[in-house]
C-alpha atoms as a PDB file:
ATOM      1  CA  MET A   1    -100.935 -71.753-120.949  1.00  0.00           C
ATOM      2  CA  THR A   2     -98.532 -74.624-120.214  1.00  0.00           C
ATOM      3  CA  ILE A   3    -101.339 -77.184-120.234  1.00  0.00           C
ATOM      4  CA  LYS A   4    -102.477 -76.113-123.688  1.00  0.00           C
ATOM      5  CA  ASN A   5     -98.943 -76.333-125.072  1.00  0.00           C
ATOM      6  CA  ASN A   6     -98.577 -79.872-123.697  1.00  0.00           C
ATOM      7  CA  ILE A   7    -101.742 -81.125-125.396  1.00  0.00           C
ATOM      8  CA  THR A   8    -100.047 -81.853-128.756  1.00  0.00           C
ATOM      9  CA  PRO A   9     -97.191 -84.152-127.535  1.00  0.00           C
ATOM     10  CA  LEU A  10     -99.490 -85.863-125.028  1.00  0.00           C
ATOM     11  CA  ARG A  11    -102.127 -86.493-127.677  1.00  0.00           C
ATOM     12  CA  THR A  12     -99.508 -87.854-130.078  1.00  0.00           C
ATOM     13  CA  ALA A  13     -98.100 -90.187-127.405  1.00  0.00           C
ATOM     14  CA  LEU A  14    -101.547 -91.529-126.516  1.00  0.00           C
ATOM     15  CA  ARG A  15    -102.321 -92.232-130.166  1.00  0.00           C
ATOM     16  CA  TYR A  16     -99.015 -94.061-130.528  1.00  0.00           C
ATOM     17  CA  VAL A  17     -99.659 -96.162-127.415  1.00  0.00           C
ATOM     18  CA  LEU A  18    -103.157 -97.071-128.645  1.00  0.00           C
ATOM     19  CA  PHE A  19    -101.847 -98.004-132.092  1.00  0.00           C
ATOM     20  CA  GLY A  20     -99.033-100.121-130.606  1.00  0.00           C
ATOM     21  CA  PHE A  21    -101.396-101.933-128.251  1.00  0.00           C
ATOM     22  CA  LEU A  22    -103.860-102.791-131.028  1.00  0.00           C
ATOM     23  CA  TRP A  23    -101.052-103.818-133.407  1.00  0.00           C
ATOM     24  CA  ILE A  24     -99.475-106.214-130.942  1.00  0.00           C
ATOM     25  CA  LEU A  25    -102.805-107.664-129.816  1.00  0.00           C
ATOM     26  CA  LEU A  26    -104.306-108.205-133.270  1.00  0.00           C
ATOM     27  CA  SER A  27    -101.156-109.127-135.195  1.00  0.00           C
ATOM     28  CA  ASP A  28    -100.077-111.764-132.633  1.00  0.00           C
ATOM     29  CA  ARG A  29    -103.555-113.306-132.663  1.00  0.00           C
ATOM     30  CA  ALA A  30    -103.529-113.442-136.464  1.00  0.00           C
ATOM     31  CA  LEU A  31    -100.023-114.952-136.486  1.00  0.00           C
ATOM     32  CA  GLU A  32    -101.081-117.744-134.115  1.00  0.00           C
ATOM     33  CA  LEU A  33    -104.049-118.602-136.330  1.00  0.00           C
ATOM     34  CA  PHE A  34    -102.095-118.976-139.587  1.00  0.00           C
ATOM     35  CA  THR A  35     -98.627-120.222-138.496  1.00  0.00           C
ATOM     36  CA  ALA A  36     -97.232-122.709-136.015  1.00  0.00           C
ATOM     37  CA  PRO A  37     -95.123-121.204-133.239  1.00  0.00           C
ATOM     38  CA  GLY A  38     -91.380-121.852-133.812  1.00  0.00           C
ATOM     39  CA  SER A  39     -91.748-122.569-137.524  1.00  0.00           C
ATOM     40  CA  THR A  40     -89.638-120.808-140.143  1.00  0.00           C
ATOM     41  CA  ALA A  41     -92.699-119.048-141.521  1.00  0.00           C
ATOM     42  CA  HIS A  42     -93.646-117.925-138.027  1.00  0.00           C
ATOM     43  CA  LEU A  43     -90.197-116.418-137.377  1.00  0.00           C
ATOM     44  CA  TRP A  44     -90.060-114.763-140.820  1.00  0.00           C
ATOM     45  CA  ILE A  45     -93.500-113.194-140.461  1.00  0.00           C
ATOM     46  CA  GLN A  46     -92.662-112.121-136.891  1.00  0.00           C
ATOM     47  CA  THR A  47     -89.598-110.241-138.153  1.00  0.00           C
ATOM     48  CA  ALA A  48     -91.520-108.699-141.053  1.00  0.00           C
ATOM     49  CA  LYS A  49     -94.284-107.706-138.679  1.00  0.00           C
ATOM     50  CA  GLY A  50     -91.788-105.809-136.515  1.00  0.00           C
ATOM     51  CA  TRP A  51     -90.375-103.894-139.475  1.00  0.00           C
ATOM     52  CA  LEU A  52     -93.864-103.200-140.765  1.00  0.00           C
ATOM     53  CA  PHE A  53     -94.802-101.833-137.340  1.00  0.00           C
ATOM     54  CA  VAL A  54     -91.784 -99.517-137.433  1.00  0.00           C
ATOM     55  CA  LEU A  55     -92.694 -98.205-140.894  1.00  0.00           C
ATOM     56  CA  ILE A  56     -96.415 -97.765-140.177  1.00  0.00           C
ATOM     57  CA  SER A  57     -95.839 -96.164-136.772  1.00  0.00           C
ATOM     58  CA  ALA A  58     -93.251 -93.791-138.266  1.00  0.00           C
ATOM     59  CA  GLY A  59     -95.734 -92.773-140.950  1.00  0.00           C
ATOM     60  CA  LEU A  60     -98.484 -92.404-138.391  1.00  0.00           C
ATOM     61  CA  ILE A  61     -96.356 -90.218-136.125  1.00  0.00           C
ATOM     62  CA  TYR A  62     -95.309 -88.104-139.120  1.00  0.00           C
ATOM     63  CA  PHE A  63     -98.928 -87.621-140.160  1.00  0.00           C
ATOM     64  CA  MET A  64    -100.132 -86.795-136.626  1.00  0.00           C
ATOM     65  CA  LEU A  65     -97.306 -84.327-136.023  1.00  0.00           C
ATOM     66  CA  LYS A  66     -97.895 -82.677-139.389  1.00  0.00           C
ATOM     67  CA  VAL A  67    -101.584 -82.202-138.626  1.00  0.00           C
ATOM     68  CA  ASP A  68    -100.899 -80.877-135.108  1.00  0.00           C
ATOM     69  CA  ILE A  69     -98.105 -78.583-136.248  1.00  0.00           C
ATOM     70  CA  LYS A  70    -100.334 -77.175-138.981  1.00  0.00           C
ATOM     71  CA  SER A  71    -103.080 -76.604-136.419  1.00  0.00           C
ATOM     72  CA  LEU A  72    -100.641 -74.870-134.073  1.00  0.00           C
ATOM     73  CA  THR A  73     -99.239 -72.783-136.921  1.00  0.00           C
ATOM     74  CA  THR A  74    -102.738 -71.717-137.958  1.00  0.00           C
ATOM     75  CA  SER A  75    -103.585 -70.810-134.364  1.00  0.00           C
ATOM     76  CA  GLU A  76    -100.345 -68.874-133.969  1.00  0.00           C
ATOM     77  CA  GLU A  77    -100.954 -67.008-137.218  1.00  0.00           C
ATOM     78  CA  ARG A  78    -104.456 -66.147-136.061  1.00  0.00           C
ATOM     79  CA  TYR A  79    -103.199 -64.733-132.764  1.00  0.00           C
ATOM     80  CA  ARG A  80    -100.399 -62.903-134.575  1.00  0.00           C
ATOM     81  CA  ALA A  81    -102.978 -61.311-136.899  1.00  0.00           C
ATOM     82  CA  ILE A  82    -105.056 -60.195-133.900  1.00  0.00           C
ATOM     83  CA  PHE A  83    -101.902 -58.885-132.200  1.00  0.00           C
ATOM     84  CA  ASN A  84    -100.797 -56.891-135.251  1.00  0.00           C
ATOM     85  CA  SER A  85    -104.220 -55.536-136.216  1.00  0.00           C
ATOM     86  CA  SER A  86    -105.276 -54.435-132.720  1.00  0.00           C
ATOM     87  CA  LEU A  87    -105.965 -50.703-132.479  1.00  0.00           C
ATOM     88  CA  ASP A  88    -104.736 -50.765-128.875  1.00  0.00           C
ATOM     89  CA  PRO A  89    -100.981 -50.909-128.234  1.00  0.00           C
ATOM     90  CA  ILE A  90     -99.988 -54.367-126.936  1.00  0.00           C
ATOM     91  CA  MET A  91     -96.615 -55.441-125.556  1.00  0.00           C
ATOM     92  CA  LEU A  92     -95.269 -58.856-124.591  1.00  0.00           C
ATOM     93  CA  THR A  93     -92.589 -58.528-121.946  1.00  0.00           C
ATOM     94  CA  LEU A  94     -90.713 -60.303-119.200  1.00  0.00           C
ATOM     95  CA  PRO A  95     -91.759 -59.472-115.618  1.00  0.00           C
ATOM     96  CA  SER A  96     -88.363 -57.779-115.247  1.00  0.00           C
ATOM     97  CA  GLY A  97     -89.294 -55.220-117.894  1.00  0.00           C
ATOM     98  CA  GLU A  98     -87.520 -56.577-120.972  1.00  0.00           C
ATOM     99  CA  ILE A  99     -89.720 -56.102-124.062  1.00  0.00           C
ATOM    100  CA  LEU A 100     -90.130 -59.160-126.296  1.00  0.00           C
ATOM    101  CA  ALA A 101     -92.674 -57.921-128.855  1.00  0.00           C
ATOM    102  CA  VAL A 102     -94.704 -54.802-129.648  1.00  0.00           C
ATOM    103  CA  ASN A 103     -97.550 -54.501-132.132  1.00  0.00           C
ATOM    104  CA  PRO A 104     -97.727 -51.681-134.751  1.00  0.00           C
ATOM    105  CA  ALA A 105    -100.139 -49.650-132.604  1.00  0.00           C
ATOM    106  CA  GLY A 106     -97.576 -49.686-129.787  1.00  0.00           C
ATOM    107  CA  CYS A 107     -94.785 -48.577-132.116  1.00  0.00           C
ATOM    108  CA  HIS A 108     -96.995 -45.712-133.343  1.00  0.00           C
ATOM    109  CA  LEU A 109     -97.873 -44.663-129.808  1.00  0.00           C
ATOM    110  CA  PHE A 110     -94.255 -44.438-128.659  1.00  0.00           C
ATOM    111  CA  GLU A 111     -92.964 -43.239-132.053  1.00  0.00           C
ATOM    112  CA  ARG A 112     -90.321 -46.000-132.119  1.00  0.00           C
ATOM    113  CA  THR A 113     -89.673 -49.198-134.048  1.00  0.00           C
ATOM    114  CA  GLU A 114     -90.156 -52.565-132.382  1.00  0.00           C
ATOM    115  CA  GLU A 115     -86.388 -53.099-132.260  1.00  0.00           C
ATOM    116  CA  GLU A 116     -85.869 -49.723-130.585  1.00  0.00           C
ATOM    117  CA  LEU A 117     -88.488 -50.566-127.972  1.00  0.00           C
ATOM    118  CA  LYS A 118     -86.854 -53.935-127.343  1.00  0.00           C
ATOM    119  CA  GLN A 119     -83.534 -52.200-126.770  1.00  0.00           C
ATOM    120  CA  ILE A 120     -84.733 -49.547-124.315  1.00  0.00           C
ATOM    121  CA  GLY A 121     -87.137 -51.829-122.410  1.00  0.00           C
ATOM    122  CA  ARG A 122     -89.835 -50.777-119.970  1.00  0.00           C
ATOM    123  CA  SER A 123     -87.676 -48.167-118.237  1.00  0.00           C
ATOM    124  CA  GLY A 124     -87.322 -46.305-121.543  1.00  0.00           C
ATOM    125  CA  ILE A 125     -91.053 -45.764-122.063  1.00  0.00           C
ATOM    126  CA  VAL A 126     -92.454 -45.568-118.517  1.00  0.00           C
ATOM    127  CA  ASP A 127     -91.970 -42.534-116.287  1.00  0.00           C
ATOM    128  CA  THR A 128     -89.956 -44.140-113.499  1.00  0.00           C
ATOM    129  CA  SER A 129     -90.593 -41.106-111.276  1.00  0.00           C
ATOM    130  CA  ASP A 130     -94.307 -41.941-111.258  1.00  0.00           C
ATOM    131  CA  PRO A 131     -94.954 -43.249-107.706  1.00  0.00           C
ATOM    132  CA  ARG A 132     -97.727 -45.467-109.050  1.00  0.00           C
ATOM    133  CA  LEU A 133     -95.242 -47.575-111.038  1.00  0.00           C
ATOM    134  CA  ALA A 134     -93.801 -49.404-108.018  1.00  0.00           C
ATOM    135  CA  VAL A 135     -97.304 -50.043-106.712  1.00  0.00           C
ATOM    136  CA  ALA A 136     -98.387 -51.399-110.106  1.00  0.00           C
ATOM    137  CA  VAL A 137     -95.412 -53.766-110.406  1.00  0.00           C
ATOM    138  CA  GLU A 138     -95.907 -55.007-106.838  1.00  0.00           C
ATOM    139  CA  GLU A 139     -99.601 -55.657-107.423  1.00  0.00           C
ATOM    140  CA  ARG A 140     -98.946 -57.536-110.661  1.00  0.00           C
ATOM    141  CA  ASN A 141     -96.256 -59.665-109.035  1.00  0.00           C
ATOM    142  CA  ARG A 142     -98.589 -60.438-106.143  1.00  0.00           C
ATOM    143  CA  THR A 143    -101.861 -61.044-107.981  1.00  0.00           C
ATOM    144  CA  GLY A 144    -100.720 -61.760-111.527  1.00  0.00           C
ATOM    145  CA  LYS A 145    -102.498 -58.728-112.993  1.00  0.00           C
ATOM    146  CA  PHE A 146    -102.786 -54.953-112.808  1.00  0.00           C
ATOM    147  CA  GLU A 147    -105.276 -52.409-114.095  1.00  0.00           C
ATOM    148  CA  GLY A 148    -104.747 -48.719-113.538  1.00  0.00           C
ATOM    149  CA  GLU A 149    -103.200 -45.497-114.762  1.00  0.00           C
ATOM    150  CA  LEU A 150     -99.510 -44.781-115.346  1.00  0.00           C
ATOM    151  CA  THR A 151     -97.433 -42.104-117.055  1.00  0.00           C
ATOM    152  CA  PHE A 152     -95.505 -42.986-120.232  1.00  0.00           C
ATOM    153  CA  ILE A 153     -92.941 -41.171-122.386  1.00  0.00           C
ATOM    154  CA  ARG A 154     -92.900 -40.690-126.163  1.00  0.00           C
ATOM    155  CA  ARG A 155     -89.762 -40.546-128.269  1.00  0.00           C
ATOM    156  CA  ASN A 156     -89.644 -36.723-128.060  1.00  0.00           C
ATOM    157  CA  GLY A 157     -89.747 -36.840-124.258  1.00  0.00           C
ATOM    158  CA  GLU A 158     -93.417 -35.866-123.992  1.00  0.00           C
ATOM    159  CA  LYS A 159     -95.130 -37.511-121.036  1.00  0.00           C
ATOM    160  CA  PHE A 160     -98.708 -38.719-121.352  1.00  0.00           C
ATOM    161  CA  PRO A 161    -101.220 -40.557-119.145  1.00  0.00           C
ATOM    162  CA  ALA A 162    -102.463 -44.012-120.130  1.00  0.00           C
ATOM    163  CA  ASP A 163    -104.778 -46.719-118.876  1.00  0.00           C
ATOM    164  CA  VAL A 164    -102.831 -49.955-118.426  1.00  0.00           C
ATOM    165  CA  SER A 165    -104.078 -53.540-118.307  1.00  0.00           C
ATOM    166  CA  SER A 166    -101.329 -56.081-117.618  1.00  0.00           C
ATOM    167  CA  SER A 167    -101.381 -59.797-116.772  1.00  0.00           C
ATOM    168  CA  VAL A 168     -98.788 -62.528-116.185  1.00  0.00           C
ATOM    169  CA  PHE A 169     -98.879 -65.880-118.000  1.00  0.00           C
ATOM    170  CA  LYS A 170     -96.600 -68.846-118.730  1.00  0.00           C
ATOM    171  CA  ASP A 171     -95.300 -69.650-122.183  1.00  0.00           C
ATOM    172  CA  LYS A 172     -94.906 -73.189-123.621  1.00  0.00           C
ATOM    173  CA  ASP A 173     -91.679 -73.657-121.670  1.00  0.00           C
ATOM    174  CA  GLY A 174     -93.260 -72.585-118.401  1.00  0.00           C
ATOM    175  CA  SER A 175     -91.428 -69.238-118.296  1.00  0.00           C
ATOM    176  CA  LEU A 176     -93.268 -66.181-116.980  1.00  0.00           C
ATOM    177  CA  ARG A 177     -94.327 -63.573-119.517  1.00  0.00           C
ATOM    178  CA  THR A 178     -96.539 -60.480-119.317  1.00  0.00           C
ATOM    179  CA  SER A 179     -99.104 -59.123-121.749  1.00  0.00           C
ATOM    180  CA  THR A 180     -99.765 -55.385-121.447  1.00  0.00           C
ATOM    181  CA  THR A 181    -102.377 -53.246-123.195  1.00  0.00           C
ATOM    182  CA  ILE A 182    -101.950 -49.459-123.147  1.00  0.00           C
ATOM    183  CA  ARG A 183    -104.526 -46.780-123.996  1.00  0.00           C
ATOM    184  CA  ASP A 184    -103.504 -43.145-124.383  1.00  0.00           C
ATOM    185  CA  ILE A 185    -106.007 -41.093-122.344  1.00  0.00           C
ATOM    186  CA  THR A 186    -104.522 -37.655-123.019  1.00  0.00           C
ATOM    187  CA  GLU A 187    -107.670 -36.340-124.703  1.00  0.00           C
ATOM    188  CA  ARG A 188    -109.892 -37.785-121.992  1.00  0.00           C
ATOM    189  CA  LYS A 189    -107.786 -36.072-119.330  1.00  0.00           C
ATOM    190  CA  ARG A 190    -107.972 -32.765-121.189  1.00  0.00           C
ATOM    191  CA  ALA A 191    -111.742 -33.104-121.458  1.00  0.00           C
ATOM    192  CA  GLU A 192    -111.934 -33.876-117.730  1.00  0.00           C
ATOM    193  CA  ASP A 193    -109.794 -30.816-116.962  1.00  0.00           C
ATOM    194  CA  ARG A 194    -112.014 -28.600-119.139  1.00  0.00           C
ATOM    195  CA  LEU A 195    -115.117 -30.007-117.470  1.00  0.00           C
ATOM    196  CA  ARG A 196    -113.629 -29.454-114.021  1.00  0.00           C
ATOM    197  CA  GLU A 197    -112.703 -25.856-114.889  1.00  0.00           C
ATOM    198  CA  SER A 198    -116.198 -25.263-116.243  1.00  0.00           C
ATOM    199  CA  GLU A 199    -117.753 -26.718-113.096  1.00  0.00           C
ATOM    200  CA  GLU A 200    -115.506 -24.558-110.923  1.00  0.00           C
ATOM    201  CA  LYS A 201    -116.556 -21.446-112.855  1.00  0.00           C
ATOM    202  CA  LEU A 202    -120.219 -22.378-112.533  1.00  0.00           C
ATOM    203  CA  GLN A 203    -119.710 -23.026-108.838  1.00  0.00           C
ATOM    204  CA  ASP A 204    -118.142 -19.588-108.446  1.00  0.00           C
ATOM    205  CA  VAL A 205    -121.126 -17.971-110.200  1.00  0.00           C
ATOM    206  CA  PHE A 206    -123.493 -20.104-108.123  1.00  0.00           C
ATOM    207  CA  ASN A 207    -121.836 -18.916-104.913  1.00  0.00           C
ATOM    208  CA  VAL A 208    -121.560 -15.183-105.684  1.00  0.00           C
ATOM    209  CA  MET A 209    -124.848 -14.528-107.528  1.00  0.00           C
ATOM    210  CA  GLU A 210    -127.248 -12.231-105.690  1.00  0.00           C
ATOM    211  CA  GLU A 211    -130.266 -14.365-106.563  1.00  0.00           C
ATOM    212  CA  GLY A 212    -131.026 -17.335-104.386  1.00  0.00           C
ATOM    213  CA  MET A 213    -130.868 -20.641-106.245  1.00  0.00           C
ATOM    214  CA  ALA A 214    -131.864 -24.182-105.357  1.00  0.00           C
ATOM    215  CA  LEU A 215    -131.236 -27.321-107.385  1.00  0.00           C
ATOM    216  CA  ASN A 216    -134.021 -29.868-107.013  1.00  0.00           C
ATOM    217  CA  GLU A 217    -134.944 -33.395-108.073  1.00  0.00           C
ATOM    218  CA  PHE A 218    -138.416 -34.827-108.643  1.00  0.00           C
ATOM    219  CA  ILE A 219    -139.867 -37.558-106.427  1.00  0.00           C
ATOM    220  CA  PHE A 220    -142.423 -39.818-108.104  1.00  0.00           C
ATOM    221  CA  ASP A 221    -145.133 -42.034-106.674  1.00  0.00           C
ATOM    222  CA  GLU A 222    -145.724 -45.655-107.704  1.00  0.00           C
ATOM    223  CA  ALA A 223    -147.860 -44.531-110.656  1.00  0.00           C
ATOM    224  CA  GLY A 224    -145.048 -42.322-111.973  1.00  0.00           C
ATOM    225  CA  GLU A 225    -146.762 -39.060-110.974  1.00  0.00           C
ATOM    226  CA  ILE A 226    -144.752 -36.162-109.531  1.00  0.00           C
ATOM    227  CA  MET A 227    -145.599 -36.044-105.848  1.00  0.00           C
ATOM    228  CA  ASP A 228    -142.711 -34.043-104.352  1.00  0.00           C
ATOM    229  CA  TYR A 229    -139.180 -32.847-104.975  1.00  0.00           C
ATOM    230  CA  ARG A 230    -135.966 -32.955-102.975  1.00  0.00           C
ATOM    231  CA  ILE A 231    -133.551 -30.056-102.567  1.00  0.00           C
ATOM    232  CA  LEU A 232    -130.082 -31.123-103.717  1.00  0.00           C
ATOM    233  CA  GLU A 233    -128.102 -27.914-103.285  1.00  0.00           C
ATOM    234  CA  VAL A 234    -128.565 -24.220-102.481  1.00  0.00           C
ATOM    235  CA  ASN A 235    -126.297 -21.193-102.801  1.00  0.00           C
ATOM    236  CA  PRO A 236    -125.442 -18.626-100.086  1.00  0.00           C
ATOM    237  CA  ALA A 237    -127.972 -16.110-101.462  1.00  0.00           C
ATOM    238  CA  PHE A 238    -130.738 -18.688-100.978  1.00  0.00           C
ATOM    239  CA  GLU A 239    -129.823 -18.923 -97.306  1.00  0.00           C
ATOM    240  CA  ARG A 240    -130.026 -15.145 -96.979  1.00  0.00           C
ATOM    241  CA  ILE A 241    -133.298 -14.725 -98.890  1.00  0.00           C
ATOM    242  CA  ALA A 242    -135.126 -17.812 -97.620  1.00  0.00           C
ATOM    243  CA  MET A 243    -133.694 -17.338 -94.110  1.00  0.00           C
ATOM    244  CA  LEU A 244    -132.843 -21.046 -94.036  1.00  0.00           C
ATOM    245  CA  THR A 245    -129.368 -22.548 -93.807  1.00  0.00           C
ATOM    246  CA  ARG A 246    -128.006 -25.067 -96.254  1.00  0.00           C
ATOM    247  CA  GLU A 247    -127.950 -27.705 -93.538  1.00  0.00           C
ATOM    248  CA  GLN A 248    -131.642 -27.122 -92.912  1.00  0.00           C
ATOM    249  CA  VAL A 249    -132.764 -27.724 -96.505  1.00  0.00           C
ATOM    250  CA  VAL A 250    -130.361 -29.949 -98.475  1.00  0.00           C
ATOM    251  CA  GLY A 251    -131.689 -33.479 -98.663  1.00  0.00           C
ATOM    252  CA  ARG A 252    -135.171 -32.531 -97.456  1.00  0.00           C
ATOM    253  CA  THR A 253    -138.376 -32.335 -99.496  1.00  0.00           C
ATOM    254  CA  ALA A 254    -140.513 -29.397-100.592  1.00  0.00           C
ATOM    255  CA  THR A 255    -143.540 -30.736 -98.712  1.00  0.00           C
ATOM    256  CA  ASP A 256    -141.437 -30.706 -95.559  1.00  0.00           C
ATOM    257  CA  ILE A 257    -139.649 -27.360 -95.936  1.00  0.00           C
ATOM    258  CA  TYR A 258    -142.133 -25.214 -97.822  1.00  0.00           C
ATOM    259  CA  GLN A 259    -145.242 -26.897 -96.395  1.00  0.00           C
ATOM    260  CA  MET A 260    -146.537 -27.592 -99.926  1.00  0.00           C
ATOM    261  CA  SER A 261    -149.018 -30.390-100.507  1.00  0.00           C
ATOM    262  CA  SER A 262    -148.283 -33.212-102.957  1.00  0.00           C
ATOM    263  CA  GLU A 263    -151.504 -32.282-104.786  1.00  0.00           C
ATOM    264  CA  PHE A 264    -150.309 -28.699-105.295  1.00  0.00           C
ATOM    265  CA  ILE A 265    -146.909 -29.843-106.622  1.00  0.00           C
ATOM    266  CA  ASN A 266    -148.519 -32.373-108.945  1.00  0.00           C
ATOM    267  CA  ASP A 267    -151.049 -29.835-110.313  1.00  0.00           C
ATOM    268  CA  PHE A 268    -148.353 -27.184-110.730  1.00  0.00           C
ATOM    269  CA  TRP A 269    -146.179 -29.422-112.916  1.00  0.00           C
ATOM    270  CA  LYS A 270    -149.094 -30.817-114.883  1.00  0.00           C
ATOM    271  CA  LYS A 271    -149.924 -27.261-115.935  1.00  0.00           C
ATOM    272  CA  ASN A 272    -146.385 -26.111-116.612  1.00  0.00           C
ATOM    273  CA  LEU A 273    -144.370 -29.163-117.646  1.00  0.00           C
ATOM    274  CA  GLY A 274    -143.187 -28.953-121.241  1.00  0.00           C
ATOM    275  CA  THR A 275    -143.548 -25.187-121.708  1.00  0.00           C
ATOM    276  CA  SER A 276    -140.620 -23.499-123.409  1.00  0.00           C
ATOM    277  CA  LEU A 277    -140.171 -20.618-120.954  1.00  0.00           C
ATOM    278  CA  PRO A 278    -139.264 -20.570-117.268  1.00  0.00           C
ATOM    279  CA  ILE A 279    -142.230 -20.575-114.885  1.00  0.00           C
ATOM    280  CA  LYS A 280    -142.489 -17.325-112.908  1.00  0.00           C
ATOM    281  CA  ALA A 281    -144.537 -16.442-109.850  1.00  0.00           C
ATOM    282  CA  GLU A 282    -144.639 -13.918-107.029  1.00  0.00           C
ATOM    283  CA  TYR A 283    -145.867 -14.487-103.510  1.00  0.00           C
ATOM    284  CA  TYR A 284    -146.015 -12.853-100.096  1.00  0.00           C
ATOM    285  CA  VAL A 285    -144.629 -14.462 -96.940  1.00  0.00           C
ATOM    286  CA  PRO A 286    -146.667 -13.034 -94.064  1.00  0.00           C
ATOM    287  CA  GLU A 287    -144.564 -14.672 -91.337  1.00  0.00           C
ATOM    288  CA  ILE A 288    -141.602 -12.443 -92.206  1.00  0.00           C
ATOM    289  CA  ASN A 289    -143.458  -9.701 -94.091  1.00  0.00           C
ATOM    290  CA  LYS A 290    -141.456 -10.307 -97.267  1.00  0.00           C
ATOM    291  CA  TRP A 291    -142.225 -10.566-100.989  1.00  0.00           C
ATOM    292  CA  ARG A 292    -140.538 -13.205-103.129  1.00  0.00           C
ATOM    293  CA  HIS A 293    -140.236 -13.595-106.900  1.00  0.00           C
ATOM    294  CA  ILE A 294    -139.533 -17.161-107.981  1.00  0.00           C
ATOM    295  CA  SER A 295    -138.512 -18.459-111.406  1.00  0.00           C
ATOM    296  CA  THR A 296    -138.526 -22.217-112.057  1.00  0.00           C
ATOM    297  CA  SER A 297    -136.670 -23.822-114.953  1.00  0.00           C
ATOM    298  CA  GLN A 298    -137.981 -26.670-117.081  1.00  0.00           C
ATOM    299  CA  PRO A 299    -136.675 -30.028-115.782  1.00  0.00           C
ATOM    300  CA  LEU A 300    -133.797 -31.934-117.349  1.00  0.00           C
ATOM    301  CA  ASN A 301    -133.297 -35.572-116.331  1.00  0.00           C
ATOM    302  CA  ASN A 302    -135.885 -35.006-113.574  1.00  0.00           C
ATOM    303  CA  LYS A 303    -133.873 -32.118-112.115  1.00  0.00           C
ATOM    304  CA  PHE A 304    -134.712 -28.416-112.164  1.00  0.00           C
ATOM    305  CA  ALA A 305    -133.627 -25.115-110.642  1.00  0.00           C
ATOM    306  CA  THR A 306    -135.555 -22.467-108.757  1.00  0.00           C
ATOM    307  CA  VAL A 307    -134.301 -18.889-108.500  1.00  0.00           C
ATOM    308  CA  PHE A 308    -135.492 -16.663-105.644  1.00  0.00           C
ATOM    309  CA  ILE A 309    -135.388 -12.854-105.582  1.00  0.00           C
ATOM    310  CA  ASP A 310    -136.353 -10.698-102.618  1.00  0.00           C
ATOM    311  CA  THR A 311    -138.716  -8.096-104.123  1.00  0.00           C
ATOM    312  CA  THR A 312    -139.848  -6.586-100.807  1.00  0.00           C
ATOM    313  CA  GLU A 313    -138.204  -3.175-101.397  1.00  0.00           C
ATOM    314  CA  GLN A 314    -139.571  -3.077-104.934  1.00  0.00           C
ATOM    315  CA  LYS A 315    -143.051  -3.861-103.645  1.00  0.00           C
ATOM    316  CA  ILE A 316    -142.773  -1.200-100.934  1.00  0.00           C
ATOM    317  CA  SER A 317    -141.678   1.330-103.565  1.00  0.00           C
ATOM    318  CA  GLU A 318    -144.567   0.325-105.832  1.00  0.00           C
ATOM    319  CA  LEU A 319    -147.056   0.637-102.973  1.00  0.00           C
ATOM    320  CA  ALA A 320    -145.599   4.006-101.974  1.00  0.00           C
ATOM    321  CA  LEU A 321    -145.774   5.217-105.563  1.00  0.00           C
ATOM    322  CA  ARG A 322    -149.347   3.978-105.915  1.00  0.00           C
ATOM    323  CA  GLU A 323    -150.307   5.664-102.642  1.00  0.00           C
ATOM    324  CA  SER A 324    -148.619   8.896-103.748  1.00  0.00           C
ATOM    325  CA  GLU A 325    -150.491   8.830-107.048  1.00  0.00           C
ATOM    326  CA  THR A 326    -153.752   8.271-105.215  1.00  0.00           C
ATOM    327  CA  ASN A 327    -153.059  11.197-102.881  1.00  0.00           C
ATOM    328  CA  LEU A 328    -152.103  13.501-105.765  1.00  0.00           C
ATOM    329  CA  ARG A 329    -155.240  12.537-107.651  1.00  0.00           C
ATOM    330  CA  ALA A 330    -157.363  13.230-104.579  1.00  0.00           C
ATOM    331  CA  ILE A 331    -155.710  16.638-104.108  1.00  0.00           C
ATOM    332  CA  TRP A 332    -156.245  17.470-107.763  1.00  0.00           C
ATOM    333  CA  GLU A 333    -159.874  16.446-107.686  1.00  0.00           C
ATOM    334  CA  ASN A 334    -160.512  18.424-104.468  1.00  0.00           C
ATOM    335  CA  SER A 335    -158.824  21.531-105.870  1.00  0.00           C
ATOM    336  CA  THR A 336    -161.024  21.517-108.947  1.00  0.00           C
END
């Protein structure tokens, strides 16, 4: 910042030195060609040449300064327009916390005028009880910048969270200044809280539901075909019904756990992918003499859920009922 502010006087000085050098070199050569050294004409022209140099150089300096000042004024006006029209609150402050300038968005955020904000300073708008404040100030002093979250205070005393981006720079005099951008993230925090509450409720349902559930993710081969899927999470009921612990299944593949072939998985999804309803099936597990009903959801972002229900008792009841009906029919037929 200091280097840029020094460009104008340095450039003006260099132009003046170049003009002076060329004036002395060329005018003295011309004087020697047309007048004799020591003559009255030589002395008179020498004096006039000096005054002419003063007048021309003064005009040149005036012109150069006018052009440079206009350029600086235009640049300053441009930055002022950006500062005032920014939708994000921006503050220019001293590292100590004194506020030098605040844009309209900042005044709106804190519900105060610029003069009021200048009077109360940083301590009047930042929650000084926020333990992150000392850390933020220390980091900015050490590195020259800080990005993070702090708590601020509105005029009515309401506290709100905000994302802060602050950096230290030097002004034209070499004094340290800070530029700070503040974004109110109240709505984002509320949305995060609602999402977290929703996830906690879903987790509670996931944990207490009687049906076993597994969340899975597709695994594709090099050609983009579904070749397997990985188990991402299971609930307690899954452990009870599948007789497998969470540690035994999470992170492993279906071909490994369920002994399915890649061909079977690929064919299954080719037949059922894109249907509007869940995919249902029932199968018998001879190793444990149990019946299972499984319902598979349609995938979303390459993830899907499978729900397991132990239907062994239902199957036993159905078989018993069928056997009873057969026996009654046989008795009836024999009696007639």
